[in-house]
Amino acid sequence: MTPLVAVAVLIAAVTHATWNAIAHGIKDQLIAFTLVGGGGAVAGLLMVPFTALPAAAAWPYLIASAVVHVLYQALLMRSFSLGDFGQMYPIARGTAPLAVTVLAALFAGESTGGTQLAGVAVASTGLVGLALWGIRGAGTRPHWPAIGAAVATGLSIAGYTVVDGLGVRASGTPLGYIAWLMILEGLAIPAWAVAARGGRLGAQMRPFLARGLLGGLLSVCAYGLVLWAQTRAALAPIAALRESSILVGAAIGAVVMKERFGAPRIAAAGLMVLGIGLMLHAG
């Protein structure tokens, strides 16, 4: 992993945490993800005239990825509606790297050395530690339906990461791939919202229009950078480095949402930084 690729993934991490925080801040989650999806689809449509069409070999991956992304958005909506941002976001993001390591080894033929595997494990332990401290620090029993939804979200993240890693490499055009992916996945949730809310939808969206569409544009930027990085480096370390977004999410939770970020969370974040260092050293 070159420094340029690492910087791109870190920028994607910041952008990703930001759009997730915007989505969480809109209490009606169907409205939030309708606007995010719609913003992404609009961005994709604007990109299409300036990009090449992905190669034929990439389209099965594009379709599969769009399906998994819709499942991911539904699970993320569910977890955000059940739990706090500072708990659900870390669990979802922390589940993904180890799952990506296994899936990339099985389906992408990527071998993982001992140091890199240790780095992924340490980083994931730190991320999950951040989430568990959030639960314990609140002085309440774990809310298992929320945790289950967040873990399932993480597994769906792992699934689309591997699918898109293979698809973007087969596409011949990372920009074209992200444009069409945003179109295919971005229209699904708005269609669901139209079916569910009917004529009420426009009035319900209006107060959140600017925030929601901004979230959609940020989501395109975040994932576009990740897809470009996946054409330049192995999937597992990119997936783990991307999860540094949890530090940004923790900061947003502490500063904006007034959530706790005490010594145990700092220790867990330190584990994550150590894990990232191991992965970059191995790469």
Protein backbone atom coordinates (compact mmCIF):
# COMPACT_ATOMS: atom_id res chain seq x y z
CA MET A 1 0.00 0.00 0.00
CA THR A 2 1.62 3.26 -1.15
CA PRO A 3 1.33 6.50 0.85
CA LEU A 4 -1.01 7.95 -1.81
CA VAL A 5 -3.39 4.99 -1.48
CA ALA A 6 -3.25 5.21 2.32
CA VAL A 7 -4.09 8.95 2.26
CA ALA A 8 -6.99 8.35 -0.15
CA VAL A 9 -8.44 5.68 2.15
CA LEU A 10 -8.04 7.92 5.21
CA ILE A 11 -9.86 10.76 3.43
CA ALA A 12 -12.59 8.26 2.55
CA ALA A 13 -12.79 7.27 6.22
CA VAL A 14 -13.38 10.87 7.32
CA THR A 15 -15.96 11.43 4.60
CA HIS A 16 -17.73 8.17 5.41
CA ALA A 17 -18.08 8.91 9.11
CA THR A 18 -19.41 12.36 8.26
CA TRP A 19 -22.19 11.16 5.97
CA ASN A 20 -23.16 8.45 8.47
CA ALA A 21 -23.42 11.08 11.20
CA ILE A 22 -25.60 13.22 8.92
CA ALA A 23 -27.87 10.23 8.26
CA HIS A 24 -28.07 9.34 11.96
CA GLY A 25 -28.95 12.94 12.80
CA ILE A 26 -32.16 12.72 10.73
CA LYS A 27 -34.48 10.83 13.06
CA ASP A 28 -36.72 9.50 10.29
CA GLN A 29 -34.27 6.97 8.89
CA LEU A 30 -36.28 6.20 5.76
CA ILE A 31 -36.21 9.90 4.86
CA ALA A 32 -32.50 10.07 5.67
CA PHE A 33 -31.52 7.17 3.43
CA THR A 34 -33.93 8.22 0.69
CA LEU A 35 -32.09 11.53 0.45
CA VAL A 36 -28.64 9.94 0.74
CA GLY A 37 -29.50 7.38 -1.93
CA GLY A 38 -31.10 10.01 -4.14
CA GLY A 39 -28.08 12.29 -3.79
CA GLY A 40 -25.79 9.42 -4.73
CA ALA A 41 -27.90 8.52 -7.76
CA VAL A 42 -27.90 12.14 -8.97
CA ALA A 43 -24.12 12.29 -8.59
CA GLY A 44 -23.80 9.04 -10.55
CA LEU A 45 -26.00 10.34 -13.36
CA LEU A 46 -23.92 13.52 -13.57
CA MET A 47 -20.73 11.45 -13.81
CA VAL A 48 -21.92 9.08 -16.56
CA PRO A 49 -21.35 11.43 -19.55
CA PHE A 50 -17.72 11.89 -18.48
CA THR A 51 -16.84 8.24 -17.86
CA ALA A 52 -16.39 5.11 -19.89
CA LEU A 53 -18.94 2.29 -19.65
CA PRO A 54 -17.68 -0.51 -17.37
CA ALA A 55 -16.56 -3.64 -19.18
CA ALA A 56 -19.10 -6.43 -19.63
CA ALA A 57 -17.27 -8.60 -17.10
CA ALA A 58 -17.96 -6.03 -14.38
CA TRP A 59 -21.76 -5.94 -14.68
CA PRO A 60 -22.53 -9.13 -12.70
CA TYR A 61 -20.47 -7.64 -9.87
CA LEU A 62 -22.27 -4.30 -10.23
CA ILE A 63 -25.70 -5.93 -9.96
CA ALA A 64 -24.66 -8.14 -7.03
CA SER A 65 -23.09 -5.16 -5.28
CA ALA A 66 -26.21 -3.04 -5.72
CA VAL A 67 -28.30 -5.78 -4.08
CA VAL A 68 -25.88 -6.11 -1.16
CA HIS A 69 -25.68 -2.32 -0.78
CA VAL A 70 -29.47 -2.09 -0.48
CA LEU A 71 -29.36 -4.80 2.20
CA TYR A 72 -26.57 -2.86 3.93
CA GLN A 73 -28.59 0.35 3.91
CA ALA A 74 -31.65 -1.42 5.31
CA LEU A 75 -29.57 -2.96 8.11
CA LEU A 76 -27.83 0.35 8.82
CA MET A 77 -31.19 2.10 9.04
CA ARG A 78 -32.32 -0.58 11.48
CA SER A 79 -29.23 -0.33 13.69
CA PHE A 80 -29.35 3.49 13.73
CA SER A 81 -33.02 3.41 14.72
CA LEU A 82 -32.28 1.02 17.62
CA GLY A 83 -28.99 2.33 19.05
CA ASP A 84 -26.70 5.30 19.54
CA PHE A 85 -24.35 6.40 16.77
CA GLY A 86 -21.28 5.94 19.00
CA GLN A 87 -22.23 2.30 19.59
CA MET A 88 -23.72 1.09 16.32
CA TYR A 89 -21.20 2.68 13.96
CA PRO A 90 -18.14 1.09 15.64
CA ILE A 91 -19.72 -2.37 15.80
CA ALA A 92 -20.70 -2.27 12.13
CA ARG A 93 -17.32 -0.97 10.97
CA GLY A 94 -15.37 -3.21 13.36
CA THR A 95 -17.01 -6.39 12.13
CA ALA A 96 -16.00 -5.84 8.52
CA PRO A 97 -12.16 -6.12 8.36
CA LEU A 98 -11.80 -9.68 9.64
CA ALA A 99 -14.69 -10.82 7.46
CA VAL A 100 -13.07 -9.14 4.43
CA THR A 101 -9.79 -10.90 5.19
CA VAL A 102 -11.53 -14.30 5.09
CA LEU A 103 -13.63 -13.51 2.01
CA ALA A 104 -10.68 -12.02 0.10
CA ALA A 105 -8.64 -15.16 0.81
CA LEU A 106 -11.48 -17.43 -0.33
CA PHE A 107 -12.72 -15.57 -3.41
CA ALA A 108 -9.97 -13.15 -4.49
CA GLY A 109 -7.01 -15.48 -3.92
CA GLU A 110 -5.28 -12.97 -1.65
CA SER A 111 -2.86 -14.46 0.85
CA THR A 112 -2.52 -12.76 4.23
CA GLY A 113 0.81 -12.82 6.07
CA GLY A 114 1.09 -13.24 9.80
CA THR A 115 1.91 -9.60 10.51
CA GLN A 116 -0.93 -8.32 8.35
CA LEU A 117 -3.39 -10.79 9.88
CA ALA A 118 -2.29 -9.71 13.36
CA GLY A 119 -2.82 -6.09 12.35
CA VAL A 120 -6.33 -6.76 11.10
CA ALA A 121 -7.14 -8.66 14.31
CA VAL A 122 -5.74 -5.95 16.59
CA ALA A 123 -7.47 -3.15 14.69
CA SER A 124 -10.79 -4.98 14.75
CA THR A 125 -10.41 -5.70 18.48
CA GLY A 126 -9.87 -2.01 19.13
CA LEU A 127 -12.89 -1.02 17.08
CA VAL A 128 -15.16 -3.50 18.79
CA GLY A 129 -13.72 -2.40 22.13
CA LEU A 130 -14.83 1.15 21.35
CA ALA A 131 -18.35 -0.10 20.74
CA LEU A 132 -18.51 -2.29 23.85
CA TRP A 133 -17.27 0.52 26.07
CA GLY A 134 -20.03 2.67 24.69
CA ILE A 135 -22.55 0.09 25.85
CA ARG A 136 -21.00 -0.44 29.28
CA GLY A 137 -20.28 3.26 29.79
CA ALA A 138 -23.95 4.01 29.37
CA GLY A 139 -24.66 1.85 32.42
CA THR A 140 -27.24 -0.26 30.61
CA ARG A 141 -27.52 -3.83 29.47
CA PRO A 142 -26.51 -4.47 25.85
CA HIS A 143 -29.41 -4.05 23.46
CA TRP A 144 -28.98 -7.28 21.53
CA PRO A 145 -31.36 -6.53 18.63
CA ALA A 146 -29.38 -3.34 17.94
CA ILE A 147 -26.05 -5.16 18.25
CA GLY A 148 -27.31 -7.93 15.96
CA ALA A 149 -28.36 -5.39 13.34
CA ALA A 150 -24.96 -3.67 13.57
CA VAL A 151 -23.06 -6.97 13.24
CA ALA A 152 -25.19 -7.92 10.23
CA THR A 153 -24.42 -4.49 8.78
CA GLY A 154 -20.70 -5.23 9.19
CA LEU A 155 -21.06 -8.56 7.39
CA SER A 156 -22.86 -6.86 4.51
CA ILE A 157 -20.01 -4.31 4.38
CA ALA A 158 -17.57 -7.19 4.05
CA GLY A 159 -19.68 -8.71 1.29
CA TYR A 160 -19.89 -5.63 -0.90
CA THR A 161 -16.23 -4.77 -0.26
CA VAL A 162 -15.09 -8.05 -1.80
CA VAL A 163 -17.66 -7.94 -4.63
CA ASP A 164 -16.67 -4.39 -5.55
CA GLY A 165 -12.96 -5.14 -5.19
CA LEU A 166 -13.34 -7.79 -7.88
CA GLY A 167 -15.80 -5.78 -9.96
CA VAL A 168 -13.83 -2.55 -10.13
CA ARG A 169 -10.73 -4.47 -11.20
CA ALA A 170 -12.73 -6.06 -14.03
CA SER A 171 -14.40 -2.78 -15.06
CA GLY A 172 -11.46 -1.00 -16.66
CA THR A 173 -12.86 2.29 -15.31
CA PRO A 174 -13.11 2.89 -11.55
CA LEU A 175 -15.00 6.17 -12.14
CA GLY A 176 -17.49 4.48 -14.45
CA TYR A 177 -17.96 1.66 -11.97
CA ILE A 178 -18.75 4.00 -9.07
CA ALA A 179 -21.11 6.06 -11.24
CA TRP A 180 -23.21 3.08 -12.26
CA LEU A 181 -23.10 1.56 -8.79
CA MET A 182 -24.46 4.78 -7.29
CA ILE A 183 -27.27 4.82 -9.86
CA LEU A 184 -28.24 1.18 -9.35
CA GLU A 185 -28.17 1.22 -5.55
CA GLY A 186 -29.23 4.84 -5.09
CA LEU A 187 -32.68 4.44 -6.62
CA ALA A 188 -33.79 1.45 -4.52
CA ILE A 189 -34.43 3.15 -1.17
CA PRO A 190 -36.22 6.17 -2.76
CA ALA A 191 -38.46 3.72 -4.65
CA TRP A 192 -39.22 1.96 -1.38
CA ALA A 193 -40.00 5.32 0.27
CA VAL A 194 -42.37 6.32 -2.56
CA ALA A 195 -44.22 3.01 -2.18
CA ALA A 196 -44.40 3.37 1.61
CA ARG A 197 -45.16 7.09 1.99
CA GLY A 198 -46.82 8.04 -1.28
CA GLY A 199 -47.79 11.69 -1.65
CA ARG A 200 -46.58 12.57 1.87
CA LEU A 201 -42.97 11.94 0.96
CA GLY A 202 -42.17 15.34 -0.56
CA ALA A 203 -43.35 17.30 2.45
CA GLN A 204 -41.55 14.93 4.83
CA MET A 205 -38.25 15.29 2.96
CA ARG A 206 -38.31 19.05 2.54
CA PRO A 207 -36.90 20.04 5.98
CA PHE A 208 -33.93 17.68 5.53
CA LEU A 209 -33.30 18.13 1.80
CA ALA A 210 -29.96 19.95 1.95
CA ARG A 211 -28.48 17.76 4.68
CA GLY A 212 -29.62 14.52 3.07
CA LEU A 213 -28.36 15.36 -0.41
CA LEU A 214 -25.02 16.47 1.06
CA GLY A 215 -24.81 13.08 2.75
CA GLY A 216 -25.40 11.42 -0.61
CA LEU A 217 -22.62 13.39 -2.31
CA LEU A 218 -20.23 12.60 0.55
CA SER A 219 -21.09 8.91 0.27
CA VAL A 220 -20.13 8.95 -3.43
CA CYS A 221 -16.80 10.63 -2.65
CA ALA A 222 -16.07 8.23 0.20
CA TYR A 223 -16.75 5.04 -1.70
CA GLY A 224 -15.24 6.30 -4.95
CA LEU A 225 -11.91 6.79 -3.18
CA VAL A 226 -12.14 3.30 -1.69
CA LEU A 227 -12.89 1.71 -5.07
CA TRP A 228 -9.94 3.50 -6.64
CA ALA A 229 -7.72 2.28 -3.80
CA GLN A 230 -8.91 -1.30 -4.36
CA THR A 231 -7.39 -1.18 -7.85
CA ARG A 232 -4.01 -0.30 -6.30
CA ALA A 233 -3.72 -2.54 -3.22
CA ALA A 234 -5.05 -5.69 -1.54
CA LEU A 235 -8.60 -5.69 -0.21
CA ALA A 236 -8.03 -6.69 3.44
CA PRO A 237 -5.65 -3.89 4.52
CA ILE A 238 -7.74 -1.29 2.66
CA ALA A 239 -10.86 -2.51 4.45
CA ALA A 240 -9.13 -2.32 7.83
CA LEU A 241 -7.51 1.09 7.22
CA ARG A 242 -10.86 2.43 6.06
CA GLU A 243 -12.26 1.58 9.47
CA SER A 244 -10.19 4.37 10.99
CA SER A 245 -13.40 6.26 10.28
CA ILE A 246 -14.43 5.10 13.73
CA LEU A 247 -12.07 7.66 15.27
CA VAL A 248 -13.89 10.37 13.36
CA GLY A 249 -17.21 8.85 14.37
CA ALA A 250 -16.12 8.77 18.02
CA ALA A 251 -15.06 12.42 17.81
CA ILE A 252 -18.38 13.40 16.24
CA GLY A 253 -20.20 11.43 18.93
CA ALA A 254 -18.22 13.12 21.70
CA VAL A 255 -18.23 16.69 20.39
CA VAL A 256 -21.50 16.97 18.48
CA MET A 257 -23.68 14.31 20.11
CA LYS A 258 -22.17 14.68 23.61
CA GLU A 259 -21.33 10.98 23.94
CA ARG A 260 -18.63 9.76 26.32
CA PHE A 261 -15.06 9.14 25.13
CA GLY A 262 -13.12 8.17 28.29
CA ALA A 263 -9.89 6.27 28.98
CA PRO A 264 -11.16 2.81 27.90
CA ARG A 265 -12.21 4.19 24.54
CA ILE A 266 -8.84 5.89 24.15
CA ALA A 267 -7.13 2.56 24.90
CA ALA A 268 -9.33 0.81 22.34
CA ALA A 269 -8.49 3.50 19.78
CA GLY A 270 -4.81 2.92 20.54
CA LEU A 271 -5.24 -0.77 19.73
CA MET A 272 -6.77 0.22 16.42
CA VAL A 273 -3.87 2.54 15.57
CA LEU A 274 -1.42 -0.25 16.44
CA GLY A 275 -3.29 -2.63 14.17
CA ILE A 276 -3.23 -0.14 11.29
CA GLY A 277 0.52 0.29 11.80
CA LEU A 278 1.04 -3.48 11.58
CA MET A 279 -0.98 -3.68 8.39
CA LEU A 280 0.86 -0.82 6.71
CA HIS A 281 4.22 -2.31 7.77
CA ALA A 282 3.20 -5.65 6.29
CA GLY A 283 1.98 -3.97 3.09
